[in-house]
Amino acid sequence: MASSGEAASSTAFPAQSASKPIARLVIATSIGNALEWYDIAVYGYFAVYISRAFFPNSDPTISLLLTLGTFGLSFITRPLGGVILGTYADRYGRKASLMVSIVLMTLGTFAIAVMPTYERIGILAPVAVLLARLVQGFSAGGEFGSSTAILVEHAPERRGFIASWQFATQGLGNVFASAFGVGLTLSLAPADLQSWGWRIPFLFGVLIGPAGIYIRNNIEDAGAPPATKQDSPIREVLSYQKMRVALGIGVLAISTAVNYLILYMPTYAVKTLNLPPSVGYIATFVGAIVVTILAPIAGMVSDRIGRTTHMIVINGLLLVSIFPAFLLLTKVPTPFIIIAVVFWLAALKSLYYGPLAALMSELLPPATRATGLGLGYNVGVMVFGGMGPVIMAWLGGFAVIGDLAPGYYLTLVGVLSMSALIEIRRTKADVSFV
């Protein structure tokens, strides 16, 4: 028996979604999400070149750490962006918030693409890059709540499928980023790549922005949200919906932990497994394609059998296969094995991802949905995503754990997510606000 409220949601607002141009809506709302993940991946893939351009140091390791530290700092502003832009969406409409977030995201990307190097403007270069990353983090924080809210409110009877495009476009963003990584490293000389080639993928990201702004400006909002001028949406969330937000974070934990582990895989392949860098990039490219294809299928399945039924099964498969996968990696660290392991983890992550956005939206009422989603999603990503590689590196320092640190970490996070799913199913918390 499904406990996710799909049956109830299928009868809500039946006439509203029938006339909506769903394909246009998905493109308009998801393009910002794709741009967000594209920027995250590009910054990570080209971190070595960015470090030399903006964070020069006699020790290349320190230079790289400063670059990755700037990457990590962008997560600090994500919850802030989720709350502020989510509140804006709950008060003035989803479309208004989506326009603000994509404009800010495009400006941040443009700033990095054209920023003069440290050699030309000195200390202003790394400071400006940091500010650009903070703007990107803030805008990305407001994306998920507003775009998920507008998607599920346009097509309540197909919430799982339509909201799954939030995560499918993450895979698409990573596909483009990986393609640029492979293409530029094979076609340009190292000196050219360092001098100007690394800017090309950022300029491509800038081109996506105006197209997204135009498309979003021409979509119809999914009906005005309930008036909340007297009551603050964030006060409502923190006063009455804390447990629902916490359950959403718990459910999100395993998927975002696996996601950031896959992004970390090129580094893991080189530093821990002593494999060529190209192996890690090929593995992430394969994983990105899997996410793009499987997430919408999983969302569609969850519309039929129920969110929690589907996600508990997939989380169970993750729990029983994560540790053996990393045990195999450490015992047989070959290119084929690492690509196969990433493929398997990406497939399970995609199947889990599909219903996730819909499930999180069903935990919250429309009046505070964008705010609650923005807060829960970005806190979850900050803790279990942004901090994941650091925690795994720390665990790896213990002799007993060592190279198996990702396996231990993901298993613990998987247990947390399973507990949240079981609690949602037991209390039927996701049925209340369909």
Protein backbone atom coordinates (compact mmCIF):
# COMPACT_ATOMS: atom_id res chain seq x y z
CA MET A 1 0.00 0.00 0.00
CA ALA A 2 1.42 3.41 -0.95
CA SER A 3 1.64 5.93 1.81
CA SER A 4 2.84 8.88 -0.20
CA GLY A 5 -0.40 10.60 -0.98
CA GLU A 6 -0.31 10.14 -4.74
CA ALA A 7 -3.87 8.91 -4.82
CA ALA A 8 -5.00 11.96 -2.94
CA SER A 9 -2.91 14.30 -5.04
CA SER A 10 -4.25 12.90 -8.29
CA THR A 11 -7.66 14.34 -7.52
CA ALA A 12 -6.40 17.77 -6.47
CA PHE A 13 -6.80 20.64 -8.98
CA PRO A 14 -7.60 18.26 -11.88
CA ALA A 15 -8.56 21.00 -14.28
CA GLN A 16 -5.65 23.25 -13.50
CA SER A 17 -2.87 21.15 -14.95
CA ALA A 18 -4.68 19.87 -18.04
CA SER A 19 -4.16 23.07 -20.03
CA LYS A 20 -0.64 23.88 -18.90
CA PRO A 21 2.27 23.59 -21.37
CA ILE A 22 4.13 21.10 -19.21
CA ALA A 23 7.21 20.75 -21.42
CA ARG A 24 7.77 24.51 -21.48
CA LEU A 25 7.26 24.70 -17.74
CA VAL A 26 9.79 21.93 -17.07
CA ILE A 27 12.38 23.64 -19.27
CA ALA A 28 11.78 27.05 -17.71
CA THR A 29 12.03 25.88 -14.12
CA SER A 30 14.76 23.30 -14.57
CA ILE A 31 17.16 25.37 -16.64
CA GLY A 32 18.32 27.25 -13.55
CA ASN A 33 18.90 23.99 -11.73
CA ALA A 34 20.92 22.66 -14.68
CA LEU A 35 22.99 25.86 -14.74
CA GLU A 36 23.60 25.59 -10.99
CA TRP A 37 24.99 22.04 -11.23
CA TYR A 38 26.89 22.82 -14.39
CA ASP A 39 28.69 25.64 -12.56
CA ILE A 40 29.42 23.41 -9.55
CA ALA A 41 30.93 20.71 -11.75
CA VAL A 42 32.91 23.11 -13.97
CA TYR A 43 34.45 24.87 -10.98
CA GLY A 44 35.45 21.51 -9.50
CA TYR A 45 36.78 20.01 -12.74
CA PHE A 46 38.89 23.08 -13.57
CA ALA A 47 39.95 23.80 -9.99
CA VAL A 48 43.65 23.28 -10.80
CA TYR A 49 43.59 25.99 -13.49
CA ILE A 50 41.45 28.35 -11.40
CA SER A 51 43.85 27.96 -8.48
CA ARG A 52 46.79 29.06 -10.61
CA ALA A 53 44.87 32.02 -12.06
CA PHE A 54 43.40 33.44 -8.85
CA PHE A 55 45.11 31.77 -5.88
CA PRO A 56 48.81 31.51 -6.82
CA ASN A 57 51.10 30.11 -4.16
CA SER A 58 54.56 28.60 -4.10
CA ASP A 59 52.92 25.43 -2.80
CA PRO A 60 50.44 24.14 -5.44
CA THR A 61 48.62 22.12 -2.80
CA ILE A 62 47.85 25.24 -0.77
CA SER A 63 46.74 27.01 -3.94
CA LEU A 64 44.34 24.19 -4.75
CA LEU A 65 43.02 24.06 -1.19
CA LEU A 66 42.25 27.79 -1.33
CA THR A 67 40.31 27.24 -4.56
CA LEU A 68 38.33 24.33 -3.12
CA GLY A 69 37.80 26.30 0.08
CA THR A 70 36.18 29.05 -1.96
CA PHE A 71 34.00 26.38 -3.56
CA GLY A 72 32.95 25.15 -0.12
CA LEU A 73 32.21 28.64 1.21
CA SER A 74 29.48 29.05 -1.39
CA PHE A 75 27.44 26.50 0.56
CA ILE A 76 27.23 28.87 3.51
CA THR A 77 24.95 31.25 1.63
CA ARG A 78 22.72 28.50 0.24
CA PRO A 79 20.42 28.15 3.27
CA LEU A 80 20.20 31.95 3.45
CA GLY A 81 19.19 32.09 -0.20
CA GLY A 82 16.73 29.26 0.34
CA VAL A 83 14.99 31.12 3.17
CA ILE A 84 14.99 34.63 1.65
CA LEU A 85 14.05 33.66 -1.92
CA GLY A 86 11.69 30.96 -0.64
CA THR A 87 9.87 33.50 1.52
CA TYR A 88 9.74 35.84 -1.47
CA ALA A 89 8.20 33.06 -3.56
CA ASP A 90 5.59 32.23 -0.90
CA ARG A 91 4.55 35.88 -0.65
CA TYR A 92 4.81 37.18 -4.21
CA GLY A 93 4.74 34.09 -6.41
CA ARG A 94 7.08 31.38 -7.61
CA LYS A 95 7.88 33.06 -10.92
CA ALA A 96 9.12 36.27 -9.27
CA SER A 97 11.59 34.34 -7.12
CA LEU A 98 12.79 32.21 -10.05
CA MET A 99 13.57 35.35 -12.06
CA VAL A 100 15.69 36.78 -9.24
CA SER A 101 17.63 33.54 -8.73
CA ILE A 102 18.55 32.96 -12.38
CA VAL A 103 19.66 36.59 -12.87
CA LEU A 104 21.94 36.36 -9.81
CA MET A 105 23.30 33.00 -10.91
CA THR A 106 24.11 34.30 -14.39
CA LEU A 107 25.86 37.38 -12.97
CA GLY A 108 28.00 35.20 -10.70
CA THR A 109 29.03 32.95 -13.59
CA PHE A 110 29.80 35.94 -15.81
CA ALA A 111 31.99 37.47 -13.10
CA ILE A 112 34.19 34.35 -12.88
CA ALA A 113 34.35 34.00 -16.68
CA VAL A 114 35.78 37.50 -17.24
CA MET A 115 37.64 38.07 -13.96
CA PRO A 116 41.22 39.35 -14.40
CA THR A 117 43.83 37.06 -12.86
CA TYR A 118 45.85 37.61 -9.72
CA GLU A 119 48.81 38.60 -11.88
CA ARG A 120 46.84 41.57 -13.24
CA ILE A 121 44.83 42.92 -10.28
CA GLY A 122 46.43 41.26 -7.27
CA ILE A 123 44.41 40.42 -4.15
CA LEU A 124 41.22 41.79 -5.72
CA ALA A 125 41.09 38.69 -7.95
CA PRO A 126 40.56 36.01 -5.26
CA VAL A 127 38.28 38.34 -3.27
CA ALA A 128 36.10 38.95 -6.32
CA VAL A 129 35.96 35.22 -7.13
CA LEU A 130 34.86 34.53 -3.55
CA LEU A 131 32.11 37.15 -3.80
CA ALA A 132 30.95 35.68 -7.12
CA ARG A 133 30.78 32.21 -5.55
CA LEU A 134 28.78 33.56 -2.61
CA VAL A 135 26.29 35.15 -5.03
CA GLN A 136 26.03 31.85 -6.91
CA GLY A 137 25.46 29.98 -3.65
CA PHE A 138 22.73 32.41 -2.59
CA SER A 139 20.92 32.17 -5.93
CA ALA A 140 21.28 28.38 -6.05
CA GLY A 141 19.77 28.22 -2.58
CA GLY A 142 16.58 29.84 -3.84
CA GLU A 143 16.28 27.65 -6.94
CA PHE A 144 15.11 24.34 -5.51
CA GLY A 145 12.25 25.53 -3.31
CA SER A 146 10.67 27.90 -5.83
CA SER A 147 11.10 25.71 -8.90
CA THR A 148 9.88 22.55 -7.16
CA ALA A 149 6.84 24.39 -5.80
CA ILE A 150 5.83 25.71 -9.21
CA LEU A 151 6.31 22.29 -10.83
CA VAL A 152 4.19 20.30 -8.37
CA GLU A 153 1.49 22.98 -8.26
CA HIS A 154 1.08 22.93 -12.03
CA ALA A 155 0.73 19.14 -12.29
CA PRO A 156 -0.42 17.75 -8.92
CA GLU A 157 -1.52 14.44 -10.41
CA ARG A 158 1.98 13.81 -11.85
CA ARG A 159 4.12 15.27 -9.10
CA GLY A 160 6.67 12.48 -9.05
CA PHE A 161 7.38 12.66 -12.80
CA ILE A 162 7.38 16.43 -13.24
CA ALA A 163 9.40 17.19 -10.10
CA SER A 164 11.97 14.51 -11.01
CA TRP A 165 13.29 16.84 -13.71
CA GLN A 166 14.84 18.87 -10.91
CA PHE A 167 17.39 16.08 -10.54
CA ALA A 168 17.47 14.89 -14.14
CA THR A 169 18.74 18.32 -15.15
CA GLN A 170 21.47 18.04 -12.52
CA GLY A 171 22.72 15.06 -14.50
CA LEU A 172 22.44 17.03 -17.73
CA GLY A 173 24.50 19.87 -16.26
CA ASN A 174 27.20 17.39 -15.26
CA VAL A 175 27.16 15.81 -18.75
CA PHE A 176 28.02 19.18 -20.33
CA ALA A 177 30.65 19.94 -17.68
CA SER A 178 32.32 16.55 -18.16
CA ALA A 179 32.22 16.96 -21.93
CA PHE A 180 34.01 20.30 -21.68
CA GLY A 181 36.58 18.74 -19.35
CA VAL A 182 37.37 15.92 -21.76
CA GLY A 183 37.20 18.05 -24.91
CA LEU A 184 39.38 20.93 -23.71
CA THR A 185 42.06 18.74 -22.15
CA LEU A 186 42.36 16.75 -25.40
CA SER A 187 42.23 19.69 -27.85
CA LEU A 188 44.23 22.44 -26.14
CA ALA A 189 47.85 22.61 -25.09
CA PRO A 190 48.31 22.84 -21.32
CA ALA A 191 49.59 26.43 -21.61
CA ASP A 192 46.54 27.53 -23.63
CA LEU A 193 44.17 25.76 -21.26
CA GLN A 194 45.76 27.57 -18.33
CA SER A 195 45.89 30.93 -20.09
CA TRP A 196 42.35 31.16 -21.48
CA GLY A 197 40.86 27.76 -22.24
CA TRP A 198 39.38 27.20 -18.76
CA ARG A 199 37.16 30.28 -19.27
CA ILE A 200 35.28 28.68 -22.18
CA PRO A 201 32.93 26.49 -20.11
CA PHE A 202 32.10 29.45 -17.87
CA LEU A 203 31.25 31.60 -20.90
CA PHE A 204 29.02 28.79 -22.14
CA GLY A 205 27.22 28.92 -18.78
CA VAL A 206 26.71 32.66 -19.22
CA LEU A 207 24.98 32.00 -22.57
CA ILE A 208 22.45 29.71 -20.85
CA GLY A 209 21.40 32.48 -18.47
CA PRO A 210 19.68 34.89 -20.92
CA ALA A 211 17.81 32.01 -22.56
CA GLY A 212 16.57 30.89 -19.14
CA ILE A 213 15.56 34.44 -18.20
CA TYR A 214 13.54 34.81 -21.41
CA ILE A 215 11.78 31.47 -21.01
CA ARG A 216 10.99 32.02 -17.32
CA ASN A 217 9.62 35.48 -17.99
CA ASN A 218 7.02 33.96 -20.30
CA ILE A 219 5.68 31.18 -18.06
CA GLU A 220 2.45 31.46 -16.13
CA ASP A 221 2.64 31.13 -12.36
CA ALA A 222 0.78 28.16 -10.88
CA GLY A 223 -1.84 30.33 -9.24
CA ALA A 224 -0.97 32.86 -6.57
CA PRO A 225 0.08 31.30 -3.28
CA PRO A 226 -2.10 32.01 -0.25
CA ALA A 227 -1.63 35.50 1.12
CA THR A 228 0.83 35.55 3.97
CA LYS A 229 1.45 39.27 4.38
CA GLN A 230 0.67 39.20 8.08
CA ASP A 231 2.51 35.98 8.91
CA SER A 232 6.13 35.32 8.05
CA PRO A 233 6.56 32.03 6.13
CA ILE A 234 9.87 31.33 7.86
CA ARG A 235 8.25 31.89 11.26
CA GLU A 236 5.53 29.43 10.31
CA VAL A 237 8.09 26.86 9.21
CA LEU A 238 10.24 27.18 12.32
CA SER A 239 7.28 27.28 14.69
CA TYR A 240 5.04 24.55 13.31
CA GLN A 241 6.83 22.59 10.59
CA LYS A 242 10.30 21.91 12.02
CA MET A 243 9.77 18.15 12.13
CA ARG A 244 8.57 18.05 8.53
CA VAL A 245 11.62 20.00 7.38
CA ALA A 246 13.85 17.67 9.45
CA LEU A 247 12.25 14.61 7.83
CA GLY A 248 12.90 16.14 4.42
CA ILE A 249 16.56 16.66 5.30
CA GLY A 250 16.78 13.07 6.53
CA VAL A 251 15.32 11.68 3.32
CA LEU A 252 17.62 13.87 1.22
CA ALA A 253 20.79 12.86 3.10
CA ILE A 254 21.76 9.65 1.29
CA SER A 255 21.08 10.96 -2.21
CA THR A 256 23.11 14.14 -1.78
CA ALA A 257 25.93 12.21 -0.05
CA VAL A 258 26.17 9.78 -2.99
CA ASN A 259 25.96 12.68 -5.44
CA TYR A 260 28.89 14.55 -3.95
CA LEU A 261 30.87 11.34 -3.61
CA ILE A 262 30.55 10.85 -7.37
CA LEU A 263 31.74 14.44 -7.93
CA TYR A 264 34.68 13.61 -5.65
CA MET A 265 35.44 10.42 -7.59
CA PRO A 266 38.12 11.90 -9.94
CA THR A 267 40.10 12.97 -6.87
CA TYR A 268 39.48 9.63 -5.13
CA ALA A 269 40.64 7.77 -8.23
CA VAL A 270 43.93 9.67 -8.38
CA LYS A 271 44.77 10.20 -4.72
CA THR A 272 43.52 6.94 -3.20
CA LEU A 273 43.42 4.41 -6.03
CA ASN A 274 46.40 5.78 -8.02
CA LEU A 275 44.51 5.69 -11.32
CA PRO A 276 44.87 8.11 -14.27
CA PRO A 277 42.70 11.29 -14.00
CA SER A 278 40.83 10.39 -17.20
CA VAL A 279 39.32 7.34 -15.49
CA GLY A 280 37.56 9.50 -12.91
CA TYR A 281 36.22 11.88 -15.58
CA ILE A 282 34.86 9.01 -17.68
CA ALA A 283 33.19 7.57 -14.59
CA THR A 284 31.49 10.87 -13.73
CA PHE A 285 30.39 11.30 -17.36
CA VAL A 286 28.75 7.88 -17.32
CA GLY A 287 27.11 8.64 -13.96
CA ALA A 288 25.71 11.93 -15.24
CA ILE A 289 24.06 10.26 -18.24
CA VAL A 290 22.49 7.66 -15.95
CA VAL A 291 20.97 10.36 -13.72
CA THR A 292 19.53 12.25 -16.69
CA ILE A 293 17.79 9.15 -18.04
CA LEU A 294 16.65 7.29 -14.92
CA ALA A 295 15.39 10.08 -12.62
CA PRO A 296 12.21 10.87 -14.66
CA ILE A 297 11.44 7.15 -14.99
CA ALA A 298 11.69 6.74 -11.22
CA GLY A 299 9.45 9.75 -10.65
CA MET A 300 6.85 8.26 -12.98
CA VAL A 301 6.98 4.93 -11.16
CA SER A 302 6.47 6.65 -7.81
CA ASP A 303 3.28 8.28 -9.12
CA ARG A 304 1.92 4.76 -9.50
CA ILE A 305 3.24 2.81 -6.51
CA GLY A 306 3.91 5.55 -3.95
CA ARG A 307 6.96 7.60 -3.00
CA THR A 308 7.96 5.87 0.22
CA THR A 309 7.38 2.36 -1.17
CA HIS A 310 9.71 3.08 -4.06
CA MET A 311 12.36 4.94 -2.06
CA ILE A 312 12.56 2.42 0.80
CA VAL A 313 13.29 -0.37 -1.70
CA ILE A 314 16.01 1.66 -3.46
CA ASN A 315 17.56 2.81 -0.19
CA GLY A 316 17.65 -0.82 0.92
CA LEU A 317 19.59 -1.73 -2.23
CA LEU A 318 22.01 1.11 -1.54
CA LEU A 319 22.58 -0.05 2.03
CA VAL A 320 23.41 -3.62 1.05
CA SER A 321 25.67 -2.66 -1.87
CA ILE A 322 27.60 0.45 -0.81
CA PHE A 323 30.17 -1.22 1.42
CA PRO A 324 30.82 -4.21 -0.88
CA ALA A 325 31.27 -1.76 -3.77
CA PHE A 326 34.03 0.15 -1.99
CA LEU A 327 35.58 -3.06 -0.72
CA LEU A 328 35.80 -4.18 -4.34
CA LEU A 329 37.28 -0.81 -5.34
CA THR A 330 40.09 -1.04 -2.80
CA LYS A 331 40.86 -4.69 -3.60
CA VAL A 332 40.66 -4.40 -7.40
CA PRO A 333 41.33 -0.72 -8.27
CA THR A 334 41.07 -0.99 -12.05
CA PRO A 335 39.47 1.48 -14.47
CA PHE A 336 36.69 -0.97 -15.30
CA ILE A 337 35.81 -1.47 -11.62
CA ILE A 338 35.65 2.23 -10.77
CA ILE A 339 33.46 2.95 -13.79
CA ALA A 340 31.21 0.00 -12.92
CA VAL A 341 30.91 1.10 -9.28
CA VAL A 342 30.06 4.69 -10.24
CA PHE A 343 27.51 3.40 -12.75
CA TRP A 344 25.83 1.26 -10.08
CA LEU A 345 25.79 4.01 -7.44
CA ALA A 346 24.56 6.57 -9.99
CA ALA A 347 21.77 4.22 -11.09
CA LEU A 348 20.53 3.69 -7.52
CA LYS A 349 20.93 7.38 -6.72
CA SER A 350 18.88 8.26 -9.81
CA LEU A 351 16.10 5.86 -8.89
CA TYR A 352 16.05 7.33 -5.38
CA TYR A 353 16.28 10.92 -6.68
CA GLY A 354 13.26 10.61 -8.97
CA PRO A 355 10.49 10.87 -6.31
CA LEU A 356 12.51 12.93 -3.82
CA ALA A 357 11.45 16.45 -4.82
CA ALA A 358 7.78 15.45 -4.90
CA LEU A 359 8.00 13.75 -1.51
CA MET A 360 9.66 16.77 0.11
CA SER A 361 7.02 19.10 -1.38
CA GLU A 362 4.20 16.92 -0.04
CA LEU A 363 5.49 17.36 3.50
CA LEU A 364 4.72 21.10 3.43
CA PRO A 365 1.60 23.24 2.88
CA PRO A 366 1.45 25.55 -0.18
CA ALA A 367 1.66 28.73 1.91
CA THR A 368 5.17 27.88 3.15
CA ARG A 369 6.24 25.26 0.61
CA ALA A 370 8.97 27.24 -1.15
CA THR A 371 10.41 28.46 2.15
CA GLY A 372 10.41 25.02 3.78
CA LEU A 373 11.82 23.32 0.70
CA GLY A 374 14.53 25.94 0.31
CA LEU A 375 15.57 25.63 3.95
CA GLY A 376 15.48 21.83 4.16
CA TYR A 377 17.13 21.14 0.83
CA ASN A 378 20.00 23.58 1.31
CA VAL A 379 20.75 22.60 4.89
CA GLY A 380 20.80 18.96 3.77
CA VAL A 381 23.10 19.71 0.83
CA MET A 382 25.40 21.81 3.01
CA VAL A 383 25.74 19.17 5.74
CA PHE A 384 25.68 15.90 3.81
CA GLY A 385 26.93 17.18 0.45
CA GLY A 386 29.38 20.01 0.98
CA MET A 387 30.81 18.46 4.14
CA GLY A 388 30.80 14.90 2.77
CA PRO A 389 34.27 14.89 1.18
CA VAL A 390 35.76 16.49 4.31
CA ILE A 391 34.17 13.89 6.58
CA MET A 392 35.30 11.05 4.33
CA ALA A 393 38.84 12.42 4.27
CA TRP A 394 38.78 12.66 8.09
CA LEU A 395 37.51 9.10 8.45
CA GLY A 396 40.16 7.95 6.00
CA GLY A 397 42.81 9.12 8.45
CA PHE A 398 41.93 6.31 10.84
CA ALA A 399 44.00 3.20 10.15
CA VAL A 400 41.05 0.87 10.81
CA ILE A 401 38.89 2.66 8.22
CA GLY A 402 41.41 3.97 5.68
CA ASP A 403 40.41 3.66 2.03
CA LEU A 404 36.97 2.30 2.98
CA ALA A 405 35.93 5.64 4.52
CA PRO A 406 33.33 6.40 1.77
CA GLY A 407 31.70 3.02 2.37
CA TYR A 408 31.38 3.57 6.13
CA TYR A 409 30.15 7.14 5.71
CA LEU A 410 27.50 6.36 3.08
CA THR A 411 26.23 3.39 5.07
CA LEU A 412 25.66 5.57 8.14
CA VAL A 413 23.92 8.24 6.07
CA GLY A 414 21.80 5.56 4.38
CA VAL A 415 20.55 4.36 7.78
CA LEU A 416 19.56 7.94 8.63
CA SER A 417 17.57 8.30 5.40
CA MET A 418 15.89 4.92 5.90
CA SER A 419 14.77 6.01 9.37
CA ALA A 420 13.27 9.22 7.95
CA LEU A 421 11.42 7.31 5.22
CA ILE A 422 9.99 4.83 7.72
CA GLU A 423 8.82 7.68 9.96
CA ILE A 424 7.09 9.43 7.03
CA ARG A 425 5.40 6.20 6.06
CA ARG A 426 4.38 5.44 9.66
CA THR A 427 2.87 8.88 10.31
CA LYS A 428 1.67 9.49 6.73
CA ALA A 429 3.20 12.95 7.06
CA ASP A 430 3.36 13.33 3.28
CA VAL A 431 -0.42 12.91 2.85
CA SER A 432 -1.42 15.97 4.83
CA PHE A 433 -0.60 18.64 2.26
CA VAL A 434 -1.15 17.08 -1.14
